[in-house]
N, C-alpha and C. Protein backbone atom coordinates (compact mmCIF):
# COMPACT_ATOMS: atom_id res chain seq x y z
N MET A 1 1.42 -1.25 -0.15
CA MET A 1 0.10 0.01 0.07
C MET A 1 0.95 1.65 -0.24
N LYS A 2 1.83 1.19 0.27
CA LYS A 2 3.13 2.29 1.16
C LYS A 2 3.75 2.88 -0.25
N VAL A 3 4.01 1.33 -0.62
CA VAL A 3 5.19 1.53 -2.31
C VAL A 3 4.02 2.35 -3.19
N LYS A 4 2.24 1.97 -3.61
CA LYS A 4 1.21 2.21 -4.49
C LYS A 4 1.26 3.63 -4.46
N MET A 5 1.05 4.15 -3.13
CA MET A 5 0.92 5.84 -2.38
C MET A 5 2.64 6.30 -3.00
N VAL A 6 4.06 5.93 -2.92
CA VAL A 6 4.66 6.69 -3.56
C VAL A 6 4.72 6.91 -4.42
N LEU A 7 4.65 5.28 -5.34
CA LEU A 7 3.92 5.63 -6.46
C LEU A 7 3.51 6.41 -7.21
N ILE A 8 2.22 6.54 -6.88
CA ILE A 8 1.47 7.73 -7.71
C ILE A 8 1.33 8.98 -7.32
N SER A 9 2.24 9.35 -5.57
CA SER A 9 2.91 11.17 -5.74
C SER A 9 3.67 10.90 -6.10
N THR A 10 4.72 9.90 -6.98
CA THR A 10 6.13 10.51 -7.59
C THR A 10 5.08 10.45 -9.50
N LEU A 11 4.75 9.68 -9.95
CA LEU A 11 4.16 10.59 -11.57
C LEU A 11 2.83 11.48 -11.53
N SER A 12 2.93 11.82 -10.10
CA SER A 12 1.82 13.33 -9.95
C SER A 12 2.48 14.31 -10.00
N VAL A 13 3.43 14.27 -9.72
CA VAL A 13 4.61 15.72 -9.07
C VAL A 13 5.37 15.51 -10.27
N MET A 14 5.47 14.39 -10.83
CA MET A 14 6.75 14.24 -12.32
C MET A 14 5.90 14.71 -13.65
N ALA A 15 4.70 14.59 -13.94
CA ALA A 15 3.11 14.88 -14.45
C ALA A 15 3.24 16.10 -14.44
N LEU A 16 3.23 16.80 -12.69
CA LEU A 16 2.83 18.44 -13.16
C LEU A 16 4.24 19.24 -13.24
N LEU A 17 5.84 18.51 -13.34
CA LEU A 17 6.65 19.90 -13.03
C LEU A 17 6.59 19.82 -15.09
N ALA A 18 5.67 18.37 -15.79
CA ALA A 18 6.01 18.15 -17.22
C ALA A 18 5.14 19.14 -17.50
N ALA A 19 3.87 19.22 -17.04
CA ALA A 19 3.05 20.60 -17.76
C ALA A 19 3.65 21.82 -17.41
N ALA A 20 4.46 21.98 -16.75
CA ALA A 20 4.41 23.35 -15.45
C ALA A 20 5.81 24.09 -17.11
N SER A 21 7.16 22.43 -17.50
CA SER A 21 7.95 23.10 -17.81
C SER A 21 7.09 23.30 -19.90
N VAL A 22 5.99 22.71 -20.64
CA VAL A 22 5.75 23.04 -21.17
C VAL A 22 4.75 23.98 -21.93
N TYR A 23 4.49 24.45 -20.33
CA TYR A 23 3.70 26.46 -19.69
C TYR A 23 5.03 26.98 -20.20
N ALA A 24 6.07 26.61 -19.44
CA ALA A 24 7.08 28.09 -19.39
C ALA A 24 7.68 27.91 -21.01
N GLY A 25 7.58 27.26 -21.92
CA GLY A 25 8.46 27.55 -22.90
C GLY A 25 7.21 27.73 -23.88
N GLN A 26 6.39 28.51 -23.70
CA GLN A 26 5.46 29.63 -24.55
C GLN A 26 6.21 30.23 -24.06
N GLY A 27 6.56 30.76 -24.30
CA GLY A 27 6.83 32.17 -24.29
C GLY A 27 8.70 32.26 -23.98
N GLY A 28 9.53 33.08 -22.89
CA GLY A 28 10.87 33.47 -22.93
C GLY A 28 12.36 33.46 -23.92
N MET A 29 12.52 32.62 -23.53
CA MET A 29 13.94 32.31 -24.53
C MET A 29 13.09 31.73 -26.52
N GLY A 30 12.30 31.56 -26.48
CA GLY A 30 12.47 31.91 -27.51
C GLY A 30 13.23 30.28 -28.84
N PRO A 31 12.98 30.43 -30.21
CA PRO A 31 13.54 29.04 -30.74
C PRO A 31 15.06 29.58 -31.15
N GLY A 32 14.84 30.91 -31.00
CA GLY A 32 16.86 31.09 -30.66
C GLY A 32 17.87 30.62 -29.96
N MET A 33 16.97 30.17 -29.04
CA MET A 33 18.07 29.53 -27.66
C MET A 33 18.91 27.98 -28.84
N GLY A 34 18.14 27.13 -28.85
CA GLY A 34 18.54 25.94 -29.77
C GLY A 34 20.16 26.51 -29.85
N LYS A 35 19.44 26.84 -31.21
CA LYS A 35 20.54 27.22 -32.63
C LYS A 35 21.85 27.37 -31.71
N GLY A 36 21.48 28.57 -30.96
CA GLY A 36 22.56 29.86 -30.56
C GLY A 36 23.61 28.69 -29.01
N ALA A 37 22.61 27.88 -29.04
CA ALA A 37 23.19 27.31 -27.51
C ALA A 37 23.80 26.09 -28.81
N ALA A 38 23.46 25.07 -30.07
CA ALA A 38 24.45 24.01 -30.10
C ALA A 38 25.36 24.67 -31.09
N MET A 39 25.44 25.74 -31.05
CA MET A 39 26.53 26.70 -32.28
C MET A 39 27.98 26.42 -30.96
N TRP A 40 28.00 27.10 -29.70
CA TRP A 40 28.34 27.49 -28.96
C TRP A 40 30.15 26.59 -28.78
N GLY A 41 29.80 25.23 -28.99
CA GLY A 41 30.86 23.98 -29.52
C GLY A 41 32.06 24.16 -30.20
N ASP A 42 30.93 24.61 -31.82
CA ASP A 42 31.65 24.95 -32.49
C ASP A 42 33.25 26.12 -32.62
N LEU A 43 32.63 27.42 -31.64
CA LEU A 43 33.55 28.69 -31.34
C LEU A 43 34.22 28.11 -30.58
N SER A 44 35.53 28.82 -30.61
CA SER A 44 37.33 28.35 -30.31
C SER A 44 37.08 28.32 -28.65
N LYS A 45 37.72 28.78 -27.84
CA LYS A 45 37.89 29.22 -26.96
C LYS A 45 37.68 31.07 -26.91
N GLU A 46 38.62 31.66 -27.65
CA GLU A 46 38.43 32.46 -27.92
C GLU A 46 37.38 33.65 -28.35
N GLN A 47 37.11 32.77 -28.91
CA GLN A 47 35.51 33.09 -29.55
C GLN A 47 34.29 33.14 -28.43
N GLN A 48 34.28 32.01 -27.94
CA GLN A 48 33.70 31.72 -26.73
C GLN A 48 33.48 33.24 -26.22
N ALA A 49 35.10 33.25 -25.47
CA ALA A 49 35.51 34.53 -24.26
C ALA A 49 34.90 35.97 -25.43
N GLN A 50 34.71 36.57 -26.47
CA GLN A 50 34.57 37.13 -27.33
C GLN A 50 32.58 37.42 -27.25
N VAL A 51 32.15 36.62 -27.26
CA VAL A 51 30.94 36.44 -27.54
C VAL A 51 30.41 36.80 -25.59
N ALA A 52 31.16 35.72 -25.37
CA ALA A 52 30.75 36.18 -23.39
C ALA A 52 30.79 38.13 -23.36
N THR A 53 31.62 38.31 -24.00
CA THR A 53 31.64 39.65 -23.74
C THR A 53 30.07 40.69 -24.38
N LEU A 54 30.21 40.11 -25.72
CA LEU A 54 28.74 40.94 -26.38
C LEU A 54 27.68 40.62 -26.00
N ARG A 55 27.51 39.26 -25.45
CA ARG A 55 26.43 39.62 -24.27
C ARG A 55 25.78 39.99 -23.02
N VAL A 56 27.21 40.08 -22.73
CA VAL A 56 27.47 41.45 -21.38
C VAL A 56 26.89 43.07 -21.80
N GLU A 57 27.53 42.36 -22.86
CA GLU A 57 27.75 44.34 -23.36
C GLU A 57 25.90 44.42 -24.13
N PHE A 58 25.24 43.36 -24.18
CA PHE A 58 24.22 43.67 -24.71
C PHE A 58 23.16 43.62 -23.77
N MET A 59 23.06 43.58 -22.89
CA MET A 59 22.46 42.83 -21.58
C MET A 59 22.43 44.02 -20.79
N LYS A 60 23.60 44.62 -20.75
CA LYS A 60 23.61 46.79 -20.20
C LYS A 60 23.26 47.07 -21.26
N LYS A 61 23.41 46.81 -22.19
CA LYS A 61 22.35 48.20 -23.29
C LYS A 61 20.72 47.89 -23.21
N ILE A 62 20.27 46.55 -23.00
CA ILE A 62 18.81 46.28 -22.95
C ILE A 62 18.36 45.75 -21.54
N HIS A 63 18.71 45.93 -20.56
CA HIS A 63 18.08 45.89 -19.56
C HIS A 63 17.37 48.02 -18.50
N PRO A 64 18.09 48.71 -19.08
CA PRO A 64 17.14 49.66 -19.28
C PRO A 64 15.67 50.60 -19.77
N LEU A 65 16.66 49.66 -20.73
CA LEU A 65 15.57 49.71 -22.36
C LEU A 65 13.51 48.59 -21.66
N ARG A 66 14.09 47.81 -21.05
CA ARG A 66 12.74 46.74 -20.32
C ARG A 66 12.07 47.33 -19.49
N THR A 67 13.68 48.00 -19.15
CA THR A 67 12.97 48.03 -17.48
C THR A 67 11.97 49.12 -18.07
N GLU A 68 12.32 50.08 -18.24
CA GLU A 68 11.68 50.92 -18.97
C GLU A 68 10.58 51.02 -20.47
N MET A 69 10.70 49.56 -20.65
CA MET A 69 9.18 48.97 -21.28
C MET A 69 7.88 48.76 -20.25
N GLY A 70 8.52 47.90 -19.38
CA GLY A 70 7.24 47.48 -18.32
C GLY A 70 6.94 48.83 -17.99
N GLN A 71 7.70 50.28 -17.49
CA GLN A 71 6.69 50.86 -16.69
C GLN A 71 6.07 51.52 -17.70
N LYS A 72 6.09 51.75 -18.88
CA LYS A 72 5.45 52.05 -20.08
C LYS A 72 4.03 51.72 -20.27
N ARG A 73 4.35 49.42 -20.48
CA ARG A 73 3.12 48.79 -19.76
C ARG A 73 2.26 48.57 -18.66
N ILE A 74 2.56 48.86 -17.73
CA ILE A 74 1.74 49.46 -16.40
C ILE A 74 1.50 51.15 -16.52
N GLU A 75 2.23 51.99 -17.42
CA GLU A 75 1.04 53.24 -17.31
C GLU A 75 0.61 53.02 -18.84
N LEU A 76 0.66 51.94 -19.42
CA LEU A 76 -0.43 52.45 -20.39
C LEU A 76 -1.68 51.83 -19.79
N THR A 77 -1.63 50.47 -18.90
CA THR A 77 -3.03 49.46 -19.31
C THR A 77 -3.96 50.91 -17.34
N GLU A 78 -2.56 50.86 -16.70
CA GLU A 78 -3.56 52.03 -16.43
C GLU A 78 -4.72 53.28 -16.71
N LEU A 79 -3.76 53.66 -17.67
CA LEU A 79 -4.53 54.63 -18.92
C LEU A 79 -5.82 53.79 -19.39
N ALA A 80 -5.13 52.63 -19.71
CA ALA A 80 -6.70 51.66 -20.57
C ALA A 80 -8.14 51.85 -19.89
N SER A 81 -7.14 51.31 -18.26
CA SER A 81 -8.12 50.76 -17.04
C SER A 81 -8.94 52.21 -17.06
N LYS A 82 -8.88 53.32 -17.25
CA LYS A 82 -9.41 53.84 -16.48
C LYS A 82 -11.18 54.39 -17.25
N GLU A 83 -11.72 55.11 -16.04
CA GLU A 83 -13.33 54.74 -16.59
C GLU A 83 -13.78 54.97 -17.79
N LYS A 84 -12.75 56.85 -18.83
CA LYS A 84 -13.26 57.48 -19.78
C LYS A 84 -11.30 57.25 -20.33
N PRO A 85 -10.97 56.37 -20.58
CA PRO A 85 -9.76 56.35 -21.15
C PRO A 85 -9.82 57.31 -22.65
N ASP A 86 -8.06 57.82 -22.50
CA ASP A 86 -7.95 59.35 -23.43
C ASP A 86 -7.26 58.52 -24.86
N GLU A 87 -8.62 58.13 -25.20
CA GLU A 87 -7.72 57.43 -26.95
C GLU A 87 -6.36 57.98 -27.53
N GLN A 88 -5.96 59.65 -26.90
CA GLN A 88 -4.38 60.22 -27.58
C GLN A 88 -3.67 60.09 -26.84
N VAL A 89 -3.99 59.49 -25.59
CA VAL A 89 -2.85 59.57 -24.51
C VAL A 89 -2.11 58.17 -24.79
N ILE A 90 -3.47 56.95 -25.03
CA ILE A 90 -3.15 55.94 -25.04
C ILE A 90 -2.72 55.82 -25.87
N GLN A 91 -2.16 55.95 -27.39
CA GLN A 91 -1.95 56.11 -28.47
C GLN A 91 -0.44 56.80 -28.18
N LYS A 92 0.22 57.74 -27.72
CA LYS A 92 1.26 58.21 -27.49
C LYS A 92 2.09 57.64 -26.53
N LYS A 93 1.43 56.56 -25.58
CA LYS A 93 2.21 56.07 -24.83
C LYS A 93 2.84 54.84 -25.83
N ARG A 94 1.76 54.33 -26.29
CA ARG A 94 2.00 52.84 -27.35
C ARG A 94 3.08 53.06 -28.27
N GLU A 95 2.70 54.77 -29.16
CA GLU A 95 3.73 55.05 -29.78
C GLU A 95 5.26 54.63 -29.07
N GLU A 96 5.48 55.70 -27.95
CA GLU A 96 6.70 55.38 -26.48
C GLU A 96 6.70 54.16 -26.03
N MET A 97 6.02 52.88 -26.62
CA MET A 97 6.70 51.75 -26.67
C MET A 97 6.80 50.90 -27.69
N TRP A 98 6.26 51.88 -28.90
CA TRP A 98 6.91 50.78 -30.30
C TRP A 98 8.66 51.43 -30.58
N ALA A 99 8.03 53.27 -29.60
CA ALA A 99 10.20 53.51 -29.93
C ALA A 99 10.98 52.95 -29.12
N LEU A 100 10.66 51.85 -28.51
CA LEU A 100 11.30 51.38 -27.30
C LEU A 100 11.89 49.82 -27.87
N GLN A 101 10.65 49.60 -28.46
CA GLN A 101 10.98 47.92 -29.34
C GLN A 101 11.88 48.42 -30.44
N ASP A 102 11.63 49.37 -30.78
CA ASP A 102 12.96 49.11 -32.50
C ASP A 102 14.43 49.97 -31.17
N ALA A 103 14.83 50.28 -29.98
CA ALA A 103 16.00 50.39 -30.22
C ALA A 103 16.33 49.61 -29.87
N MET A 104 15.28 48.07 -28.88
CA MET A 104 16.26 47.13 -28.36
C MET A 104 16.00 46.52 -29.91
N ARG A 105 15.27 45.75 -30.54
CA ARG A 105 16.19 45.40 -31.90
C ARG A 105 16.73 45.53 -32.18
N ASN A 106 16.92 46.82 -32.57
CA ASN A 106 18.32 47.35 -33.21
C ASN A 106 19.36 47.59 -32.67
N GLU A 107 19.18 47.93 -30.95
CA GLU A 107 20.81 46.92 -30.18
C GLU A 107 20.76 45.32 -30.77
N ARG A 108 19.77 44.79 -30.76
CA ARG A 108 19.79 43.04 -31.03
C ARG A 108 20.72 42.62 -32.58
N ARG A 109 20.17 43.94 -33.50
CA ARG A 109 20.93 43.69 -34.98
C ARG A 109 22.21 44.07 -34.67
N ALA A 110 22.48 45.36 -33.97
CA ALA A 110 24.27 45.20 -33.86
C ALA A 110 24.97 44.61 -33.43
N MET A 111 24.35 44.10 -32.07
CA MET A 111 25.29 42.19 -31.64
C MET A 111 25.02 41.41 -32.52
N THR A 112 24.20 41.08 -33.26
CA THR A 112 24.42 40.16 -34.16
C THR A 112 25.00 40.14 -35.25
N THR A 113 25.68 41.40 -35.87
CA THR A 113 26.03 41.68 -37.03
C THR A 113 27.30 41.97 -35.38
N LYS A 114 28.08 42.05 -35.06
CA LYS A 114 29.51 41.79 -34.29
C LYS A 114 30.16 40.18 -34.11
N PHE A 115 28.34 39.92 -33.82
CA PHE A 115 28.50 38.31 -33.30
C PHE A 115 28.90 37.53 -35.00
N ARG A 116 28.54 38.64 -35.68
CA ARG A 116 28.62 37.11 -37.55
C ARG A 116 30.42 37.18 -37.77
N ALA A 117 30.57 38.57 -37.03
CA ALA A 117 31.64 39.38 -37.27
C ALA A 117 33.37 38.31 -37.19
N LEU A 118 32.97 37.44 -35.83
CA LEU A 118 33.69 37.02 -34.92
C LEU A 118 33.46 35.81 -35.59
N LEU A 119 32.83 35.13 -36.26
CA LEU A 119 32.42 34.13 -37.03
C LEU A 119 33.66 33.63 -38.07
N THR A 120 34.36 32.42 -38.56
CA THR A 120 34.66 32.32 -39.89
C THR A 120 33.33 32.15 -40.94
N PRO A 121 34.22 31.91 -42.13
CA PRO A 121 32.94 31.95 -43.42
C PRO A 121 32.35 30.81 -43.01
N GLU A 122 33.09 29.85 -42.41
CA GLU A 122 32.35 28.42 -42.44
C GLU A 122 31.26 28.63 -41.35
N GLN A 123 31.91 28.66 -40.88
CA GLN A 123 31.23 29.15 -38.78
C GLN A 123 29.49 29.64 -39.37
N ARG A 124 29.76 30.80 -40.71
CA ARG A 124 28.90 31.59 -41.12
C ARG A 124 27.23 31.02 -42.15
N GLU A 125 28.37 29.78 -42.47
CA GLU A 125 27.80 29.27 -43.22
C GLU A 125 26.77 28.84 -42.72
N LYS A 126 27.26 27.76 -41.54
CA LYS A 126 26.80 26.86 -40.70
C LYS A 126 25.10 27.78 -39.90
N ILE A 127 24.97 28.63 -39.45
CA ILE A 127 24.76 29.39 -39.03
C ILE A 127 22.84 29.67 -39.83
N GLY A 128 23.44 30.43 -41.27
CA GLY A 128 22.52 30.60 -42.67
C GLY A 128 22.81 32.17 -41.87
N PRO A 129 21.94 32.67 -42.72
CA PRO A 129 21.27 34.00 -42.64
C PRO A 129 21.53 35.19 -41.65
N MET A 130 19.90 34.49 -40.77
CA MET A 130 19.36 34.88 -39.61
C MET A 130 20.70 35.28 -38.47
N GLY A 131 20.78 34.22 -38.53
CA GLY A 131 22.42 33.65 -37.58
C GLY A 131 21.89 32.67 -36.47
N ALA A 132 22.39 32.25 -35.08
CA ALA A 132 22.31 31.10 -33.90
C ALA A 132 21.79 32.07 -33.19
N GLY A 133 21.17 32.99 -32.75
CA GLY A 133 20.96 34.03 -31.68
C GLY A 133 21.15 33.89 -30.45
N MET A 134 21.90 33.37 -30.96
CA MET A 134 23.30 33.54 -29.67
C MET A 134 22.60 33.30 -28.14
N GLY A 135 21.98 32.06 -28.49
CA GLY A 135 20.63 32.63 -26.65
C GLY A 135 19.97 32.96 -26.63
N PHE A 136 20.38 34.32 -27.34
CA PHE A 136 18.65 35.15 -26.34
C PHE A 136 17.31 35.32 -27.10
N GLY A 137 16.80 33.59 -27.44
CA GLY A 137 15.47 34.19 -28.58
C GLY A 137 15.13 34.72 -29.63
N GLY A 138 14.26 33.99 -29.68
CA GLY A 138 14.22 34.40 -31.30
C GLY A 138 13.01 35.31 -32.18
N GLY A 139 12.32 35.73 -31.16
CA GLY A 139 10.93 36.42 -31.15
C GLY A 139 11.29 37.72 -30.37
N GLY A 140 11.92 38.22 -29.83
CA GLY A 140 11.58 39.28 -29.07
C GLY A 140 11.00 39.71 -28.70
N MET A 141 10.40 41.11 -28.72
CA MET A 141 9.52 41.64 -28.15
C MET A 141 8.05 40.59 -27.91
N GLY A 142 7.65 40.44 -27.50
CA GLY A 142 6.23 39.30 -28.17
C GLY A 142 4.87 39.61 -26.88
N CYS A 143 3.34 38.90 -27.15
CA CYS A 143 2.60 39.45 -26.57
C CYS A 143 3.55 39.87 -24.91
N CYS A 144 3.03 41.05 -24.87
CA CYS A 144 2.94 41.12 -23.11
C CYS A 144 4.47 40.97 -22.38
N GLY A 145 4.81 40.83 -22.67
CA GLY A 145 6.36 40.47 -22.46
C GLY A 145 7.62 40.55 -23.07
N PHE A 146 8.72 39.06 -23.30
CA PHE A 146 9.81 38.78 -23.94
C PHE A 146 9.62 37.72 -24.51
N GLY A 147 9.72 37.02 -26.14
CA GLY A 147 9.79 36.13 -26.62
C GLY A 147 8.89 36.31 -27.67
N PRO A 148 8.44 35.18 -28.14
CA PRO A 148 8.13 35.48 -29.68
C PRO A 148 6.71 35.83 -29.08
N GLY A 149 5.57 36.24 -30.35
CA GLY A 149 4.12 37.20 -30.04
C GLY A 149 4.56 38.42 -31.04
N GLU A 150 3.60 38.60 -30.73
CA GLU A 150 2.83 39.92 -32.31
C GLU A 150 2.71 41.05 -31.37
N GLY A 151 3.26 41.21 -30.43
CA GLY A 151 3.01 42.50 -29.86
C GLY A 151 2.29 43.86 -29.92
N PHE A 152 3.10 44.88 -29.54
CA PHE A 152 1.58 45.69 -30.71
C PHE A 152 1.81 46.15 -31.77
N ARG A 153 2.78 46.08 -32.88
CA ARG A 153 2.73 46.21 -33.71
C ARG A 153 1.64 46.32 -34.13
N GLU A 154 1.65 47.25 -35.73
CA GLU A 154 0.64 46.89 -36.20
C GLU A 154 0.48 45.99 -37.10
N GLY A 155 -0.65 45.62 -37.12
CA GLY A 155 -1.90 44.30 -37.32
C GLY A 155 -1.37 43.25 -35.81
N GLY A 156 -0.35 42.83 -34.99
CA GLY A 156 -0.23 42.33 -34.50
C GLY A 156 -1.32 42.42 -33.53
N LYS A 157 -1.68 41.75 -32.99
CA LYS A 157 -2.48 41.25 -31.61
C LYS A 157 -1.98 41.78 -30.56
N GLY A 158 -1.27 41.57 -29.67
CA GLY A 158 -1.00 42.23 -28.65
C GLY A 158 -1.78 41.53 -27.66
N CYS A 159 -1.64 42.59 -26.49
CA CYS A 159 -2.41 41.61 -25.22
C CYS A 159 -3.77 41.36 -25.37
N LYS A 160 -3.90 40.44 -25.46
CA LYS A 160 -5.86 40.21 -25.15
C LYS A 160 -6.66 41.22 -26.86
N GLY A 161 -6.19 40.42 -27.94
CA GLY A 161 -6.16 40.81 -29.66
C GLY A 161 -6.02 42.59 -29.30
N TRP A 162 -5.60 43.37 -28.17
CA TRP A 162 -5.13 44.76 -28.31
C TRP A 162 -4.61 45.33 -30.29
N SER A 163 -4.58 45.70 -30.75
CA SER A 163 -4.02 46.21 -31.95
C SER A 163 -4.40 47.89 -32.36
N ARG A 164 -3.72 48.37 -33.43
CA ARG A 164 -3.92 49.67 -33.89
C ARG A 164 -5.93 49.71 -33.63
N GLY A 165 -6.39 50.73 -33.55
CA GLY A 165 -7.99 50.62 -33.58
C GLY A 165 -8.74 49.80 -32.37
N ASN A 166 -8.33 49.03 -31.28
CA ASN A 166 -8.71 48.68 -31.22
C ASN A 166 -8.34 48.45 -29.59
N THR A 167 -8.24 48.86 -28.89
CA THR A 167 -7.67 49.11 -27.20
C THR A 167 -8.18 48.73 -26.09
N ASP A 168 -9.87 47.67 -26.54
CA ASP A 168 -10.13 47.55 -25.74
C ASP A 168 -9.73 46.37 -25.18
N LEU A 169 -9.50 46.34 -23.60
CA LEU A 169 -8.61 45.33 -23.36
C LEU A 169 -9.30 44.26 -22.51
């Protein structure tokens, strides 16, 4: 009887962990993680050190932008939650967020260009024209966060179907 209870408990915990890992994989690091991580072993020790330096520089540049984006997201939610939301103010806040997204995208592109410059022609050919992603994920700004998603850009669904002209939360 005791063995049966332990077995059932263990299986329940395993199922719970599996479900949590599937759920966690819906955003966050995104598809770029696999290819970038897989390429790490193909880099020389010198290249690995240079890439590590690039990553730290990138994170230092991106961190304040992400923090500001989080603050803008809170402000946008507050604006949209008002009893009588001001559409012009909401639109201005969204445009500020788009500018931050563009700044983050530009930083990522600059980092990718620097990364590709470190590679040999054979390594560049192996990762293809888009690059390995260096483990930063492939989706950029996603729906209400980082990772794959359609964001608040034109035609994007954003959070809960939010797109240009549809600011109903």
